[in-house]
Amino acid sequence: MQDIKNTIKAYILKEFLPGERPEALDDSTQLITQGVLDSLATLKLVSFIEERYGIALGPHETDAEYLNTLDRIANLIASKQPKKR
């Protein structure tokens, strides 16, 4: 899970918050409701997630309920990946 959070955090910092200190973005920072991600940025993030992790997100999974924090994003990605045996 931490690997997923680190990957998503690095992407958000690079693409949407260039120059921001990494410690300013933690696992519970509200990305959508605090305006870090607007609708276009959210679409770009969804595209990145789908490409990077080889998963498909449904339209209902592209809002703040699923993508508002790094914790929620990591949980969503983990729920879509095949279970390890």
C-alpha atoms as a PDB file:
ATOM      1  CA  MET A   1       0.000   0.000   0.000  1.00  0.00           C
ATOM      2  CA  GLN A   2       2.785   2.412   0.853  1.00  0.00           C
ATOM      3  CA  ASP A   3       4.330   1.881  -2.602  1.00  0.00           C
ATOM      4  CA  ILE A   4       1.030   2.894  -4.202  1.00  0.00           C
ATOM      5  CA  LYS A   5       0.779   6.014  -2.035  1.00  0.00           C
ATOM      6  CA  ASN A   6       4.384   6.985  -2.815  1.00  0.00           C
ATOM      7  CA  THR A   7       3.831   6.565  -6.567  1.00  0.00           C
ATOM      8  CA  ILE A   8       0.607   8.601  -6.567  1.00  0.00           C
ATOM      9  CA  LYS A   9       2.140  11.273  -4.334  1.00  0.00           C
ATOM     10  CA  ALA A  10       5.159  11.634  -6.616  1.00  0.00           C
ATOM     11  CA  TYR A  11       2.863  11.943  -9.647  1.00  0.00           C
ATOM     12  CA  ILE A  12       0.672  14.598  -8.012  1.00  0.00           C
ATOM     13  CA  LEU A  13       3.683  16.597  -6.844  1.00  0.00           C
ATOM     14  CA  LYS A  14       5.312  16.460 -10.272  1.00  0.00           C
ATOM     15  CA  GLU A  15       2.209  17.151 -12.361  1.00  0.00           C
ATOM     16  CA  PHE A  16       0.063  19.438 -10.227  1.00  0.00           C
ATOM     17  CA  LEU A  17       2.208  20.860  -7.419  1.00  0.00           C
ATOM     18  CA  PRO A  18       5.658  21.518  -8.902  1.00  0.00           C
ATOM     19  CA  GLY A  19       7.993  23.023  -6.334  1.00  0.00           C
ATOM     20  CA  GLU A  20       5.784  22.047  -3.386  1.00  0.00           C
ATOM     21  CA  ARG A  21       7.514  20.405  -0.438  1.00  0.00           C
ATOM     22  CA  PRO A  22       6.709  16.661  -0.391  1.00  0.00           C
ATOM     23  CA  GLU A  23       5.877  16.780   3.323  1.00  0.00           C
ATOM     24  CA  ALA A  24       3.081  19.271   2.545  1.00  0.00           C
ATOM     25  CA  LEU A  25       1.160  16.411   0.910  1.00  0.00           C
ATOM     26  CA  ASP A  26       0.342  13.642   3.377  1.00  0.00           C
ATOM     27  CA  ASP A  27      -1.896  10.571   3.247  1.00  0.00           C
ATOM     28  CA  SER A  28      -4.946  12.490   4.450  1.00  0.00           C
ATOM     29  CA  THR A  29      -4.580  15.742   2.472  1.00  0.00           C
ATOM     30  CA  GLN A  30      -7.928  16.388   0.816  1.00  0.00           C
ATOM     31  CA  LEU A  31      -7.008  16.598  -2.842  1.00  0.00           C
ATOM     32  CA  ILE A  32     -10.370  17.333  -4.448  1.00  0.00           C
ATOM     33  CA  THR A  33     -12.351  19.080  -1.721  1.00  0.00           C
ATOM     34  CA  GLN A  34      -9.438  21.421  -0.913  1.00  0.00           C
ATOM     35  CA  GLY A  35      -8.878  22.257  -4.581  1.00  0.00           C
ATOM     36  CA  VAL A  36      -5.511  20.569  -5.108  1.00  0.00           C
ATOM     37  CA  LEU A  37      -7.077  18.654  -8.007  1.00  0.00           C
ATOM     38  CA  ASP A  38      -9.633  20.285 -10.289  1.00  0.00           C
ATOM     39  CA  SER A  39     -11.759  18.278 -12.728  1.00  0.00           C
ATOM     40  CA  LEU A  40      -9.097  18.216 -15.462  1.00  0.00           C
ATOM     41  CA  ALA A  41      -6.365  17.209 -13.009  1.00  0.00           C
ATOM     42  CA  THR A  42      -8.633  14.482 -11.641  1.00  0.00           C
ATOM     43  CA  LEU A  43      -9.115  13.077 -15.156  1.00  0.00           C
ATOM     44  CA  LYS A  44      -5.350  13.101 -15.702  1.00  0.00           C
ATOM     45  CA  LEU A  45      -4.849  11.302 -12.389  1.00  0.00           C
ATOM     46  CA  VAL A  46      -7.469   8.677 -13.321  1.00  0.00           C
ATOM     47  CA  SER A  47      -5.719   8.114 -16.659  1.00  0.00           C
ATOM     48  CA  PHE A  48      -2.358   7.736 -14.888  1.00  0.00           C
ATOM     49  CA  ILE A  49      -3.800   5.269 -12.366  1.00  0.00           C
ATOM     50  CA  GLU A  50      -5.447   3.154 -15.061  1.00  0.00           C
ATOM     51  CA  GLU A  51      -2.269   3.052 -17.163  1.00  0.00           C
ATOM     52  CA  ARG A  52       0.178   2.532 -14.296  1.00  0.00           C
ATOM     53  CA  TYR A  53      -1.787  -0.192 -12.533  1.00  0.00           C
ATOM     54  CA  GLY A  54      -3.570  -1.811 -15.489  1.00  0.00           C
ATOM     55  CA  ILE A  55      -7.014  -1.299 -13.993  1.00  0.00           C
ATOM     56  CA  ALA A  56     -10.224   0.381 -15.122  1.00  0.00           C
ATOM     57  CA  LEU A  57     -12.086   2.797 -12.894  1.00  0.00           C
ATOM     58  CA  GLY A  58     -15.832   3.158 -13.256  1.00  0.00           C
ATOM     59  CA  PRO A  59     -17.377   6.621 -13.656  1.00  0.00           C
ATOM     60  CA  HIS A  60     -18.631   6.451 -10.066  1.00  0.00           C
ATOM     61  CA  GLU A  61     -15.038   5.893  -8.854  1.00  0.00           C
ATOM     62  CA  THR A  62     -13.699   9.195 -10.177  1.00  0.00           C
ATOM     63  CA  ASP A  63     -15.049  11.541  -7.515  1.00  0.00           C
ATOM     64  CA  ALA A  64     -14.013  12.687  -4.052  1.00  0.00           C
ATOM     65  CA  GLU A  65     -15.463   9.604  -2.391  1.00  0.00           C
ATOM     66  CA  TYR A  66     -12.701   7.507  -3.997  1.00  0.00           C
ATOM     67  CA  LEU A  67      -9.969   9.995  -4.953  1.00  0.00           C
ATOM     68  CA  ASN A  68      -9.922  12.662  -2.251  1.00  0.00           C
ATOM     69  CA  THR A  69      -6.878  11.404  -0.305  1.00  0.00           C
ATOM     70  CA  LEU A  70      -3.832   9.248  -0.930  1.00  0.00           C
ATOM     71  CA  ASP A  71      -5.321   6.715   1.499  1.00  0.00           C
ATOM     72  CA  ARG A  72      -8.564   6.479  -0.488  1.00  0.00           C
ATOM     73  CA  ILE A  73      -6.716   6.260  -3.795  1.00  0.00           C
ATOM     74  CA  ALA A  74      -4.460   3.465  -2.513  1.00  0.00           C
ATOM     75  CA  ASN A  75      -7.469   1.544  -1.171  1.00  0.00           C
ATOM     76  CA  LEU A  76      -9.263   1.883  -4.506  1.00  0.00           C
ATOM     77  CA  ILE A  77      -6.235   0.668  -6.481  1.00  0.00           C
ATOM     78  CA  ALA A  78      -5.639  -2.220  -4.075  1.00  0.00           C
ATOM     79  CA  SER A  79      -9.287  -3.278  -4.380  1.00  0.00           C
ATOM     80  CA  LYS A  80      -8.959  -3.475  -8.159  1.00  0.00           C
ATOM     81  CA  GLN A  81      -5.754  -5.509  -8.278  1.00  0.00           C
ATOM     82  CA  PRO A  82      -5.785  -9.311  -8.359  1.00  0.00           C
ATOM     83  CA  LYS A  83      -5.475 -10.857  -4.920  1.00  0.00           C
ATOM     84  CA  LYS A  84      -2.119 -12.477  -4.174  1.00  0.00           C
ATOM     85  CA  ARG A  85      -2.177 -16.065  -2.986  1.00  0.00           C
END
